[in-house]
C-alpha atoms as a PDB file:
ATOM      1  CA  MET A   1       0.081   0.019  -0.039  1.00  0.00           C
ATOM      2  CA  SER A   2       2.727   2.357  -0.924  1.00  0.00           C
ATOM      3  CA  ARG A   3       1.838   5.853  -2.354  1.00  0.00           C
ATOM      4  CA  SER A   4       4.098   7.901  -4.480  1.00  0.00           C
ATOM      5  CA  LEU A   5       6.074  10.799  -2.361  1.00  0.00           C
ATOM      6  CA  TYR A   6       4.851  13.612  -4.697  1.00  0.00           C
ATOM      7  CA  LYS A   7       1.227  12.655  -3.739  1.00  0.00           C
ATOM      8  CA  GLY A   8       1.845  12.779  -0.007  1.00  0.00           C
ATOM      9  CA  PRO A   9       0.038  10.866   2.688  1.00  0.00           C
ATOM     10  CA  TYR A  10      -3.654   9.982   2.197  1.00  0.00           C
ATOM     11  CA  VAL A  11      -5.971  11.046   5.250  1.00  0.00           C
ATOM     12  CA  ASP A  12      -9.552  11.033   4.964  1.00  0.00           C
ATOM     13  CA  GLU A  13     -11.164  14.557   4.890  1.00  0.00           C
ATOM     14  CA  LYS A  14     -14.209  13.144   6.760  1.00  0.00           C
ATOM     15  CA  LEU A  15     -12.195  11.741   9.477  1.00  0.00           C
ATOM     16  CA  LEU A  16     -10.102  14.818  10.113  1.00  0.00           C
ATOM     17  CA  LYS A  17     -13.443  16.837  10.415  1.00  0.00           C
ATOM     18  CA  LYS A  18     -14.602  14.344  12.879  1.00  0.00           C
ATOM     19  CA  ILE A  19     -11.389  15.049  15.079  1.00  0.00           C
ATOM     20  CA  ASP A  20     -11.174  18.841  14.507  1.00  0.00           C
ATOM     21  CA  GLY A  21     -11.447  20.849  17.628  1.00  0.00           C
ATOM     22  CA  LYS A  22     -11.996  18.117  19.839  1.00  0.00           C
ATOM     23  CA  LYS A  23     -10.073  16.621  22.782  1.00  0.00           C
ATOM     24  CA  PRO A  24      -9.079  12.803  22.825  1.00  0.00           C
ATOM     25  CA  ASN A  25     -10.597  12.122  26.241  1.00  0.00           C
ATOM     26  CA  GLU A  26     -14.106  13.810  25.586  1.00  0.00           C
ATOM     27  CA  ALA A  27     -14.557  12.397  21.692  1.00  0.00           C
ATOM     28  CA  GLY A  28     -15.466   8.875  22.648  1.00  0.00           C
ATOM     29  CA  VAL A  29     -15.250   6.146  19.913  1.00  0.00           C
ATOM     30  CA  ILE A  30     -15.098   7.607  16.247  1.00  0.00           C
ATOM     31  CA  LYS A  31     -16.714   5.158  13.726  1.00  0.00           C
ATOM     32  CA  THR A  32     -15.060   5.016  10.484  1.00  0.00           C
ATOM     33  CA  TRP A  33     -14.911   3.027   7.253  1.00  0.00           C
ATOM     34  CA  ALA A  34     -11.774   4.672   6.101  1.00  0.00           C
ATOM     35  CA  ARG A  35      -9.406   1.666   6.468  1.00  0.00           C
ATOM     36  CA  ARG A  36      -7.114   3.193   3.917  1.00  0.00           C
ATOM     37  CA  SER A  37      -6.633   6.389   5.680  1.00  0.00           C
ATOM     38  CA  MET A  38      -3.139   7.060   7.188  1.00  0.00           C
ATOM     39  CA  ILE A  39      -2.751   8.009  10.756  1.00  0.00           C
ATOM     40  CA  ALA A  40      -1.501  11.596  11.288  1.00  0.00           C
ATOM     41  CA  PRO A  41       0.062  12.742  14.380  1.00  0.00           C
ATOM     42  CA  GLU A  42      -3.170  14.952  15.014  1.00  0.00           C
ATOM     43  CA  MET A  43      -4.994  11.711  15.490  1.00  0.00           C
ATOM     44  CA  VAL A  44      -3.012  10.501  18.598  1.00  0.00           C
ATOM     45  CA  GLY A  45      -4.923   9.569  21.573  1.00  0.00           C
ATOM     46  CA  PHE A  46      -8.228   9.111  19.909  1.00  0.00           C
ATOM     47  CA  THR A  47     -10.350   6.033  19.660  1.00  0.00           C
ATOM     48  CA  PHE A  48     -11.380   4.926  16.432  1.00  0.00           C
ATOM     49  CA  GLY A  49     -14.012   2.288  15.617  1.00  0.00           C
ATOM     50  CA  VAL A  50     -12.528   0.648  12.463  1.00  0.00           C
ATOM     51  CA  HIS A  51     -14.793  -1.454  10.378  1.00  0.00           C
ATOM     52  CA  ASN A  52     -13.402  -4.721   9.388  1.00  0.00           C
ATOM     53  CA  GLY A  53     -16.546  -5.878   7.158  1.00  0.00           C
ATOM     54  CA  LYS A  54     -18.708  -7.043   9.902  1.00  0.00           C
ATOM     55  CA  ASN A  55     -18.254  -4.839  12.880  1.00  0.00           C
ATOM     56  CA  HIS A  56     -16.075  -1.999  14.237  1.00  0.00           C
ATOM     57  CA  VAL A  57     -13.141  -2.894  15.955  1.00  0.00           C
ATOM     58  CA  GLU A  58     -11.895  -0.207  18.468  1.00  0.00           C
ATOM     59  CA  VAL A  59      -8.425   1.195  17.853  1.00  0.00           C
ATOM     60  CA  THR A  60      -6.591   3.547  20.388  1.00  0.00           C
ATOM     61  CA  VAL A  61      -4.150   5.442  18.412  1.00  0.00           C
ATOM     62  CA  VAL A  62      -0.693   5.602  20.059  1.00  0.00           C
ATOM     63  CA  GLU A  63       2.369   7.491  18.829  1.00  0.00           C
ATOM     64  CA  GLU A  64       4.145   4.462  17.343  1.00  0.00           C
ATOM     65  CA  MET A  65       1.109   3.997  14.999  1.00  0.00           C
ATOM     66  CA  VAL A  66       1.753   7.297  12.997  1.00  0.00           C
ATOM     67  CA  GLY A  67       2.299   6.556   9.476  1.00  0.00           C
ATOM     68  CA  HIS A  68       0.560   3.339   9.393  1.00  0.00           C
ATOM     69  CA  ARG A  69      -2.924   2.689   7.879  1.00  0.00           C
ATOM     70  CA  LEU A  70      -6.117   2.516  10.359  1.00  0.00           C
ATOM     71  CA  GLY A  71      -6.761  -1.090   8.545  1.00  0.00           C
ATOM     72  CA  GLU A  72      -3.997  -2.570   9.811  1.00  0.00           C
ATOM     73  CA  PHE A  73      -4.959  -2.605  13.264  1.00  0.00           C
ATOM     74  CA  SER A  74      -8.587  -4.133  12.424  1.00  0.00           C
ATOM     75  CA  PRO A  75      -8.114  -7.522  10.987  1.00  0.00           C
ATOM     76  CA  THR A  76     -10.628  -8.740   8.594  1.00  0.00           C
ATOM     77  CA  LYS A  77     -10.220 -12.553   8.934  1.00  0.00           C
ATOM     78  CA  LYS A  78     -10.567 -14.848  12.058  1.00  0.00           C
ATOM     79  CA  PHE A  79      -8.114 -17.472  12.454  1.00  0.00           C
ATOM     80  CA  GLN A  80     -10.058 -20.465  13.510  1.00  0.00           C
ATOM     81  CA  ARG A  81      -7.206 -23.092  13.827  1.00  0.00           C
ATOM     82  CA  HIS A  82      -5.703 -26.088  11.568  1.00  0.00           C
ATOM     83  CA  GLY A  83      -7.695 -29.124  11.625  1.00  0.00           C
ATOM     84  CA  GLY A  84      -7.494 -32.573  10.774  1.00  0.00           C
ATOM     85  CA  LYS A  85      -6.508 -35.786  12.109  1.00  0.00           C
ATOM     86  CA  MET A  86      -3.328 -34.794  13.501  1.00  0.00           C
ATOM     87  CA  GLN A  87      -4.601 -31.867  15.238  1.00  0.00           C
ATOM     88  CA  LYS A  88      -7.306 -34.024  16.959  1.00  0.00           C
ATOM     89  CA  GLU A  89      -4.541 -36.459  18.169  1.00  0.00           C
ATOM     90  CA  LEU A  90      -2.644 -33.426  19.785  1.00  0.00           C
ATOM     91  CA  ASP A  91      -5.559 -32.047  21.582  1.00  0.00           C
ATOM     92  CA  GLN A  92      -6.415 -35.528  22.889  1.00  0.00           C
ATOM     93  CA  LYS A  93      -2.695 -35.873  24.364  1.00  0.00           C
ATOM     94  CA  LYS A  94      -3.181 -32.487  25.867  1.00  0.00           C
ATOM     95  CA  ARG A  95      -6.467 -33.158  27.578  1.00  0.00           C
ATOM     96  CA  GLU A  96      -5.064 -36.438  28.890  1.00  0.00           C
ATOM     97  CA  ALA A  97      -2.032 -34.649  30.288  1.00  0.00           C
ATOM     98  CA  GLU A  98      -4.014 -32.118  32.038  1.00  0.00           C
ATOM     99  CA  ILE A  99      -6.376 -35.008  33.353  1.00  0.00           C
ATOM    100  CA  ALA A 100      -3.134 -36.697  34.786  1.00  0.00           C
ATOM    101  CA  ALA A 101      -1.873 -33.748  36.363  1.00  0.00           C
ATOM    102  CA  ALA A 102      -5.209 -32.949  37.888  1.00  0.00           C
ATOM    103  CA  LYS A 103      -5.133 -36.627  39.497  1.00  0.00           C
ATOM    104  CA  ALA A 104      -1.309 -36.287  40.880  1.00  0.00           C
ATOM    105  CA  ALA A 105      -2.336 -33.082  42.525  1.00  0.00           C
ATOM    106  CA  LYS A 106      -5.407 -34.873  44.102  1.00  0.00           C
ATOM    107  CA  ALA A 107      -2.817 -37.805  45.154  1.00  0.00           C
ATOM    108  CA  ALA A 108      -0.409 -35.420  46.528  1.00  0.00           C
ATOM    109  CA  LYS A 109      -2.999 -33.908  48.985  1.00  0.00           C
END
């Protein structure tokens, strides 16, 4: 998502209007769909509700985020987990180990 240097950073105008003249602690959550908007220094301290396609994820902007895009902090895909036979075997071994540890703890009392 690079942008030509002569064009400069892209910051959504509507987003700047929403934070103009407000203080970060009294503004509340500012909902936005502008995931491509770059985080400007004026946005530090504000909390944005960045849309991920389903709902708004709250992102509190800190100084280290300046220069990044809002969409980077609102993931659009949810990782379920890897499945299959091998994963089931690993889960079963983990459960058995927990049960054995609990029995050992009871026996020690």
